[in-house]
Amino acid sequence: MQRSGGSFDAGWTVNPKLQLALTYADSQIRWTLIDGTDDSPNQHLSGTAQQAGVHFSFSDAASAIASPYGIHVDGFMGALFHSAASPNTPMANIRVRQSWTVAQRNTISLSGDANTYFRAAVADPFRYTLGGPLRLYASSVDEYRGTDDALGRLVYLRRIAALPTGIGEGVYVTGGYEAGNVWSPEARSILRQDAFGGLLLSTPLGALTLGGAVGDAGHRKVFFTFGRLF
């Protein structure tokens, strides 16, 4: 898929932990099936997409990557409209993560994501996806696509080495379990689960991770990511 466009945000920092913003985005998309077969009615689609709503974020986490404690909540409520082959529809997204420290060097994190178009039959380019790093490690990238999805993840981290100040927070052994469900008006829900493990290096630029995952339905992957782990 090719996408071009722009967006506008007008925000308000309520306090150091809470931020609110009004957002608007307008984009032009081009969606083309290049290889293989697909029974989707949207194999080739070009047009516009517009989205507007309210974004909010609350966090008292100690850090963005391997936070030893705290909660982070990020959400959006708005609408998709004037979009190619799609009805105007409300939409909502929510992401919540809570972390705890156990015996100083162990961190447990519980997180959940949910996204919905309230079962409106929007075209494939605008649908939510599961699969790939951060979204079901053992599955292929964007393997599952639907108008609604939910993902839960339990992560364990143990710091095994410290890094010099300014280079990073440390080196961690990590493992976890995740389960995701995706559905749409024309398809039954699909539930997938997997377990993953590996090494994480926390740096000022983000997290470097190397690991592997094993899931149901024969899914297996070795992964490398740069950014965030969960």
C-alpha atoms as a PDB file:
ATOM      1  CA  MET A   1       0.000   0.000   0.000  1.00  0.00           C
ATOM      2  CA  GLN A   2       1.158   3.543  -0.798  1.00  0.00           C
ATOM      3  CA  ARG A   3      -0.078   6.410   1.339  1.00  0.00           C
ATOM      4  CA  SER A   4       0.574  10.143   1.192  1.00  0.00           C
ATOM      5  CA  GLY A   5      -1.034  13.021   3.024  1.00  0.00           C
ATOM      6  CA  GLY A   6      -0.845  15.165   6.105  1.00  0.00           C
ATOM      7  CA  SER A   7      -2.327  15.766   9.527  1.00  0.00           C
ATOM      8  CA  PHE A   8      -3.021  18.557  12.008  1.00  0.00           C
ATOM      9  CA  ASP A   9      -2.990  18.324  15.801  1.00  0.00           C
ATOM     10  CA  ALA A  10      -3.958  20.930  18.393  1.00  0.00           C
ATOM     11  CA  GLY A  11      -2.982  19.746  21.850  1.00  0.00           C
ATOM     12  CA  TRP A  12      -3.215  20.701  25.487  1.00  0.00           C
ATOM     13  CA  THR A  13      -0.895  19.490  28.241  1.00  0.00           C
ATOM     14  CA  VAL A  14      -3.206  19.289  31.256  1.00  0.00           C
ATOM     15  CA  ASN A  15      -0.355  18.298  33.577  1.00  0.00           C
ATOM     16  CA  PRO A  16       2.947  16.389  33.237  1.00  0.00           C
ATOM     17  CA  LYS A  17       1.030  13.087  33.095  1.00  0.00           C
ATOM     18  CA  LEU A  18      -2.002  13.928  30.932  1.00  0.00           C
ATOM     19  CA  GLN A  19      -2.228  15.269  27.386  1.00  0.00           C
ATOM     20  CA  LEU A  20      -5.242  15.889  25.130  1.00  0.00           C
ATOM     21  CA  ALA A  21      -5.319  16.731  21.425  1.00  0.00           C
ATOM     22  CA  LEU A  22      -7.749  17.323  18.575  1.00  0.00           C
ATOM     23  CA  THR A  23      -6.509  15.594  15.422  1.00  0.00           C
ATOM     24  CA  TYR A  24      -7.351  15.641  11.723  1.00  0.00           C
ATOM     25  CA  ALA A  25      -5.689  13.647   8.939  1.00  0.00           C
ATOM     26  CA  ASP A  26      -6.247  13.604   5.178  1.00  0.00           C
ATOM     27  CA  SER A  27      -4.490  11.098   2.963  1.00  0.00           C
ATOM     28  CA  GLN A  28      -4.454   9.567  -0.495  1.00  0.00           C
ATOM     29  CA  ILE A  29      -4.076   5.789  -0.644  1.00  0.00           C
ATOM     30  CA  ARG A  30      -3.214   3.320  -3.369  1.00  0.00           C
ATOM     31  CA  TRP A  31      -3.844  -0.342  -2.552  1.00  0.00           C
ATOM     32  CA  THR A  32      -2.775  -2.948  -5.129  1.00  0.00           C
ATOM     33  CA  LEU A  33      -2.442  -6.740  -5.066  1.00  0.00           C
ATOM     34  CA  ILE A  34       1.024  -7.407  -6.470  1.00  0.00           C
ATOM     35  CA  ASP A  35       1.420 -11.154  -6.024  1.00  0.00           C
ATOM     36  CA  GLY A  36      -0.709 -14.155  -5.046  1.00  0.00           C
ATOM     37  CA  THR A  37      -4.476 -14.429  -4.755  1.00  0.00           C
ATOM     38  CA  ASP A  38      -6.991 -12.720  -2.506  1.00  0.00           C
ATOM     39  CA  ASP A  39     -10.773 -13.020  -2.338  1.00  0.00           C
ATOM     40  CA  SER A  40     -11.114  -9.479  -1.005  1.00  0.00           C
ATOM     41  CA  PRO A  41     -13.327  -7.101  -3.040  1.00  0.00           C
ATOM     42  CA  ASN A  42     -10.659  -4.419  -2.488  1.00  0.00           C
ATOM     43  CA  GLN A  43      -7.705  -5.994  -4.313  1.00  0.00           C
ATOM     44  CA  HIS A  44      -7.128  -2.723  -6.188  1.00  0.00           C
ATOM     45  CA  LEU A  45      -8.285   0.529  -4.651  1.00  0.00           C
ATOM     46  CA  SER A  46      -7.302   4.176  -4.909  1.00  0.00           C
ATOM     47  CA  GLY A  47      -8.883   7.147  -3.214  1.00  0.00           C
ATOM     48  CA  THR A  48      -8.944   9.443  -0.226  1.00  0.00           C
ATOM     49  CA  ALA A  49      -9.287   8.842   3.494  1.00  0.00           C
ATOM     50  CA  GLN A  50     -10.078  11.349   6.228  1.00  0.00           C
ATOM     51  CA  GLN A  51     -10.007  10.886   9.971  1.00  0.00           C
ATOM     52  CA  ALA A  52     -10.698  13.210  12.893  1.00  0.00           C
ATOM     53  CA  GLY A  53     -11.135  12.877  16.620  1.00  0.00           C
ATOM     54  CA  VAL A  54      -9.744  13.323  20.111  1.00  0.00           C
ATOM     55  CA  HIS A  55      -6.480  11.747  21.228  1.00  0.00           C
ATOM     56  CA  PHE A  56      -5.561  11.392  24.892  1.00  0.00           C
ATOM     57  CA  SER A  57      -2.516  10.085  26.714  1.00  0.00           C
ATOM     58  CA  PHE A  58      -1.847   9.483  30.413  1.00  0.00           C
ATOM     59  CA  SER A  59       1.400   8.101  31.817  1.00  0.00           C
ATOM     60  CA  ASP A  60       3.163   7.898  35.145  1.00  0.00           C
ATOM     61  CA  ALA A  61       5.625   5.258  33.885  1.00  0.00           C
ATOM     62  CA  ALA A  62       9.274   5.771  34.783  1.00  0.00           C
ATOM     63  CA  SER A  63      10.484   5.193  31.195  1.00  0.00           C
ATOM     64  CA  ALA A  64       9.095   4.459  27.757  1.00  0.00           C
ATOM     65  CA  ILE A  65      10.781   1.084  27.156  1.00  0.00           C
ATOM     66  CA  ALA A  66      11.482  -1.120  30.177  1.00  0.00           C
ATOM     67  CA  SER A  67       9.663   0.912  32.811  1.00  0.00           C
ATOM     68  CA  PRO A  68      10.015  -0.684  36.273  1.00  0.00           C
ATOM     69  CA  TYR A  69       6.609   0.631  37.375  1.00  0.00           C
ATOM     70  CA  GLY A  70       3.663   2.750  36.342  1.00  0.00           C
ATOM     71  CA  ILE A  71       0.751   2.837  33.941  1.00  0.00           C
ATOM     72  CA  HIS A  72       0.504   4.186  30.410  1.00  0.00           C
ATOM     73  CA  VAL A  73      -2.843   4.780  28.672  1.00  0.00           C
ATOM     74  CA  ASP A  74      -3.150   5.978  25.086  1.00  0.00           C
ATOM     75  CA  GLY A  75      -6.483   6.341  23.314  1.00  0.00           C
ATOM     76  CA  PHE A  76      -8.348   7.856  20.380  1.00  0.00           C
ATOM     77  CA  MET A  77     -12.044   8.411  19.726  1.00  0.00           C
ATOM     78  CA  GLY A  78     -13.225   9.799  16.416  1.00  0.00           C
ATOM     79  CA  ALA A  79     -14.490   8.953  12.948  1.00  0.00           C
ATOM     80  CA  LEU A  80     -13.368   7.776   9.529  1.00  0.00           C
ATOM     81  CA  PHE A  81     -15.137   9.624   6.716  1.00  0.00           C
ATOM     82  CA  HIS A  82     -14.970  10.449   2.986  1.00  0.00           C
ATOM     83  CA  SER A  83     -12.871   7.305   2.542  1.00  0.00           C
ATOM     84  CA  ALA A  84     -12.653   5.104  -0.539  1.00  0.00           C
ATOM     85  CA  ALA A  85     -15.178   2.238  -0.721  1.00  0.00           C
ATOM     86  CA  SER A  86     -16.047   2.740   2.956  1.00  0.00           C
ATOM     87  CA  PRO A  87     -19.027   4.085   4.925  1.00  0.00           C
ATOM     88  CA  ASN A  88     -18.586   6.975   7.313  1.00  0.00           C
ATOM     89  CA  THR A  89     -18.116   5.333  10.694  1.00  0.00           C
ATOM     90  CA  PRO A  90     -17.085   6.036  14.279  1.00  0.00           C
ATOM     91  CA  MET A  91     -13.821   4.487  15.442  1.00  0.00           C
ATOM     92  CA  ALA A  92     -11.945   4.021  18.714  1.00  0.00           C
ATOM     93  CA  ASN A  93      -8.510   2.806  19.797  1.00  0.00           C
ATOM     94  CA  ILE A  94      -7.163   2.147  23.289  1.00  0.00           C
ATOM     95  CA  ARG A  95      -3.801   0.898  24.560  1.00  0.00           C
ATOM     96  CA  VAL A  96      -3.076   0.263  28.250  1.00  0.00           C
ATOM     97  CA  ARG A  97       0.150  -0.974  29.874  1.00  0.00           C
ATOM     98  CA  GLN A  98       0.890  -1.515  33.584  1.00  0.00           C
ATOM     99  CA  SER A  99       4.324  -2.479  34.937  1.00  0.00           C
ATOM    100  CA  TRP A 100       5.557  -3.729  38.310  1.00  0.00           C
ATOM    101  CA  THR A 101       9.015  -4.434  39.762  1.00  0.00           C
ATOM    102  CA  VAL A 102       9.588  -7.669  41.669  1.00  0.00           C
ATOM    103  CA  ALA A 103      12.771  -8.229  43.723  1.00  0.00           C
ATOM    104  CA  GLN A 104      14.559  -5.225  42.199  1.00  0.00           C
ATOM    105  CA  ARG A 105      15.778  -6.797  38.926  1.00  0.00           C
ATOM    106  CA  ASN A 106      12.534  -8.339  37.652  1.00  0.00           C
ATOM    107  CA  THR A 107       9.815  -6.453  35.803  1.00  0.00           C
ATOM    108  CA  ILE A 108       6.361  -7.739  34.902  1.00  0.00           C
ATOM    109  CA  SER A 109       4.230  -5.893  32.374  1.00  0.00           C
ATOM    110  CA  LEU A 110       0.584  -6.499  31.491  1.00  0.00           C
ATOM    111  CA  SER A 111      -0.785  -4.715  28.430  1.00  0.00           C
ATOM    112  CA  GLY A 112      -3.830  -4.683  26.195  1.00  0.00           C
ATOM    113  CA  ASP A 113      -4.859  -3.078  22.900  1.00  0.00           C
ATOM    114  CA  ALA A 114      -8.304  -2.798  21.330  1.00  0.00           C
ATOM    115  CA  ASN A 115      -9.366  -1.175  18.065  1.00  0.00           C
ATOM    116  CA  THR A 116     -12.832  -0.928  16.544  1.00  0.00           C
ATOM    117  CA  TYR A 117     -14.843   0.460  13.648  1.00  0.00           C
ATOM    118  CA  PHE A 118     -17.908  -0.912  15.441  1.00  0.00           C
ATOM    119  CA  ARG A 119     -18.178  -3.643  12.775  1.00  0.00           C
ATOM    120  CA  ALA A 120     -18.622  -1.177   9.916  1.00  0.00           C
ATOM    121  CA  ALA A 121     -17.570  -2.686   6.585  1.00  0.00           C
ATOM    122  CA  VAL A 122     -14.640  -0.380   5.828  1.00  0.00           C
ATOM    123  CA  ALA A 123     -12.302  -1.284   2.951  1.00  0.00           C
ATOM    124  CA  ASP A 124      -9.217  -3.436   3.575  1.00  0.00           C
ATOM    125  CA  PRO A 125      -6.630  -0.595   3.506  1.00  0.00           C
ATOM    126  CA  PHE A 126      -8.222   0.979   6.592  1.00  0.00           C
ATOM    127  CA  ARG A 127      -8.724  -2.191   8.625  1.00  0.00           C
ATOM    128  CA  TYR A 128      -6.749  -3.133  11.722  1.00  0.00           C
ATOM    129  CA  THR A 129      -4.181  -5.909  11.557  1.00  0.00           C
ATOM    130  CA  LEU A 130      -2.560  -8.489  13.795  1.00  0.00           C
ATOM    131  CA  GLY A 131       0.657 -10.331  13.060  1.00  0.00           C
ATOM    132  CA  GLY A 132       4.356  -9.570  13.218  1.00  0.00           C
ATOM    133  CA  PRO A 133       6.581  -7.971  15.868  1.00  0.00           C
ATOM    134  CA  LEU A 134       4.568  -6.287  18.641  1.00  0.00           C
ATOM    135  CA  ARG A 135       1.299  -7.645  17.196  1.00  0.00           C
ATOM    136  CA  LEU A 136       1.650 -11.488  17.554  1.00  0.00           C
ATOM    137  CA  TYR A 137       5.335 -12.301  17.111  1.00  0.00           C
ATOM    138  CA  ALA A 138       4.890 -15.840  15.731  1.00  0.00           C
ATOM    139  CA  SER A 139       2.575 -14.769  12.901  1.00  0.00           C
ATOM    140  CA  SER A 140       3.496 -13.085   9.621  1.00  0.00           C
ATOM    141  CA  VAL A 141       3.285  -9.302   9.370  1.00  0.00           C
ATOM    142  CA  ASP A 142      -0.366  -8.172   8.985  1.00  0.00           C
ATOM    143  CA  GLU A 143      -1.467 -11.793   8.548  1.00  0.00           C
ATOM    144  CA  TYR A 144      -4.918 -11.106  10.031  1.00  0.00           C
ATOM    145  CA  ARG A 145      -7.057  -8.143   9.038  1.00  0.00           C
ATOM    146  CA  GLY A 146     -10.443  -7.005  10.382  1.00  0.00           C
ATOM    147  CA  THR A 147     -12.690  -4.157  11.403  1.00  0.00           C
ATOM    148  CA  ASP A 148     -12.199  -4.947  15.118  1.00  0.00           C
ATOM    149  CA  ASP A 149      -9.350  -6.507  17.079  1.00  0.00           C
ATOM    150  CA  ALA A 150      -8.064  -7.033  20.600  1.00  0.00           C
ATOM    151  CA  LEU A 151      -4.612  -8.044  21.842  1.00  0.00           C
ATOM    152  CA  GLY A 152      -3.370  -8.923  25.335  1.00  0.00           C
ATOM    153  CA  ARG A 153       0.233  -9.470  26.374  1.00  0.00           C
ATOM    154  CA  LEU A 154       2.077 -10.559  29.526  1.00  0.00           C
ATOM    155  CA  VAL A 155       5.816  -9.784  29.506  1.00  0.00           C
ATOM    156  CA  TYR A 156       8.599 -10.675  31.932  1.00  0.00           C
ATOM    157  CA  LEU A 157      11.986  -8.908  31.929  1.00  0.00           C
ATOM    158  CA  ARG A 158      15.064  -9.566  34.047  1.00  0.00           C
ATOM    159  CA  ARG A 159      17.995  -7.189  33.908  1.00  0.00           C
ATOM    160  CA  ILE A 160      21.225  -9.147  33.519  1.00  0.00           C
ATOM    161  CA  ALA A 161      23.654  -6.279  32.886  1.00  0.00           C
ATOM    162  CA  ALA A 162      23.838  -2.527  33.329  1.00  0.00           C
ATOM    163  CA  LEU A 163      25.070  -0.093  30.678  1.00  0.00           C
ATOM    164  CA  PRO A 164      27.142   3.068  31.200  1.00  0.00           C
ATOM    165  CA  THR A 165      25.140   6.219  31.853  1.00  0.00           C
ATOM    166  CA  GLY A 166      24.024   7.799  28.604  1.00  0.00           C
ATOM    167  CA  ILE A 167      24.304   4.585  26.578  1.00  0.00           C
ATOM    168  CA  GLY A 168      21.243   2.792  27.871  1.00  0.00           C
ATOM    169  CA  GLU A 169      19.263   1.395  30.784  1.00  0.00           C
ATOM    170  CA  GLY A 170      20.545  -2.174  30.563  1.00  0.00           C
ATOM    171  CA  VAL A 171      20.438  -5.605  28.979  1.00  0.00           C
ATOM    172  CA  TYR A 172      17.409  -7.790  29.734  1.00  0.00           C
ATOM    173  CA  VAL A 173      16.306 -11.358  29.259  1.00  0.00           C
ATOM    174  CA  THR A 174      12.649 -11.309  28.297  1.00  0.00           C
ATOM    175  CA  GLY A 175       9.811 -13.715  27.707  1.00  0.00           C
ATOM    176  CA  GLY A 176       6.079 -13.484  27.395  1.00  0.00           C
ATOM    177  CA  TYR A 177       2.703 -14.681  26.220  1.00  0.00           C
ATOM    178  CA  GLU A 178       0.252 -12.926  23.919  1.00  0.00           C
ATOM    179  CA  ALA A 179      -3.208 -13.624  22.558  1.00  0.00           C
ATOM    180  CA  GLY A 180      -5.039 -11.714  19.858  1.00  0.00           C
ATOM    181  CA  ASN A 181      -8.492 -11.833  18.306  1.00  0.00           C
ATOM    182  CA  VAL A 182      -9.626 -10.189  15.060  1.00  0.00           C
ATOM    183  CA  TRP A 183     -13.052 -10.150  13.395  1.00  0.00           C
ATOM    184  CA  SER A 184     -15.170  -8.368  10.763  1.00  0.00           C
ATOM    185  CA  PRO A 185     -18.785  -8.337   9.534  1.00  0.00           C
ATOM    186  CA  GLU A 186     -18.152 -10.930   6.811  1.00  0.00           C
ATOM    187  CA  ALA A 187     -15.714 -13.218   8.669  1.00  0.00           C
ATOM    188  CA  ARG A 188     -15.712 -15.227  11.875  1.00  0.00           C
ATOM    189  CA  SER A 189     -13.346 -14.195  14.647  1.00  0.00           C
ATOM    190  CA  ILE A 190      -9.811 -15.611  14.610  1.00  0.00           C
ATOM    191  CA  LEU A 191      -7.982 -16.213  17.897  1.00  0.00           C
ATOM    192  CA  ARG A 192      -4.202 -16.678  17.876  1.00  0.00           C
ATOM    193  CA  GLN A 193      -1.777 -17.208  20.771  1.00  0.00           C
ATOM    194  CA  ASP A 194       1.995 -17.435  21.059  1.00  0.00           C
ATOM    195  CA  ALA A 195       4.909 -17.402  23.478  1.00  0.00           C
ATOM    196  CA  PHE A 196       8.115 -15.468  22.805  1.00  0.00           C
ATOM    197  CA  GLY A 197      11.528 -14.925  24.361  1.00  0.00           C
ATOM    198  CA  GLY A 198      14.851 -13.247  23.691  1.00  0.00           C
ATOM    199  CA  LEU A 199      17.287 -10.495  24.656  1.00  0.00           C
ATOM    200  CA  LEU A 200      16.513  -6.775  24.902  1.00  0.00           C
ATOM    201  CA  LEU A 201      19.007  -3.918  24.870  1.00  0.00           C
ATOM    202  CA  SER A 202      17.473  -0.647  26.091  1.00  0.00           C
ATOM    203  CA  THR A 203      19.119   2.432  24.521  1.00  0.00           C
ATOM    204  CA  PRO A 204      18.221   6.150  24.368  1.00  0.00           C
ATOM    205  CA  LEU A 205      17.080   5.601  20.755  1.00  0.00           C
ATOM    206  CA  GLY A 206      14.824   2.668  21.560  1.00  0.00           C
ATOM    207  CA  ALA A 207      14.897  -1.041  22.305  1.00  0.00           C
ATOM    208  CA  LEU A 208      16.930  -3.560  20.312  1.00  0.00           C
ATOM    209  CA  THR A 209      15.486  -7.063  20.594  1.00  0.00           C
ATOM    210  CA  LEU A 210      16.474 -10.446  19.198  1.00  0.00           C
ATOM    211  CA  GLY A 211      14.373 -13.506  19.886  1.00  0.00           C
ATOM    212  CA  GLY A 212      12.002 -16.159  18.714  1.00  0.00           C
ATOM    213  CA  ALA A 213       8.327 -17.064  19.055  1.00  0.00           C
ATOM    214  CA  VAL A 214       6.191 -20.196  18.805  1.00  0.00           C
ATOM    215  CA  GLY A 215       2.449 -20.031  18.308  1.00  0.00           C
ATOM    216  CA  ASP A 216      -0.602 -22.111  17.539  1.00  0.00           C
ATOM    217  CA  ALA A 217      -1.597 -23.217  14.023  1.00  0.00           C
ATOM    218  CA  GLY A 218       2.055 -24.040  13.285  1.00  0.00           C
ATOM    219  CA  HIS A 219       3.358 -20.476  13.531  1.00  0.00           C
ATOM    220  CA  ARG A 220       7.061 -19.939  14.296  1.00  0.00           C
ATOM    221  CA  LYS A 221       9.308 -16.931  13.820  1.00  0.00           C
ATOM    222  CA  VAL A 222      12.756 -15.551  14.639  1.00  0.00           C
ATOM    223  CA  PHE A 223      12.575 -11.771  14.996  1.00  0.00           C
ATOM    224  CA  PHE A 224      14.715  -8.684  15.316  1.00  0.00           C
ATOM    225  CA  THR A 225      13.134  -5.354  16.244  1.00  0.00           C
ATOM    226  CA  PHE A 226      14.240  -1.799  16.891  1.00  0.00           C
ATOM    227  CA  GLY A 227      11.866   0.535  18.679  1.00  0.00           C
ATOM    228  CA  ARG A 228       9.767  -0.853  21.499  1.00  0.00           C
ATOM    229  CA  LEU A 229       9.097  -4.368  22.796  1.00  0.00           C
ATOM    230  CA  PHE A 230       5.517  -3.941  24.093  1.00  0.00           C
END
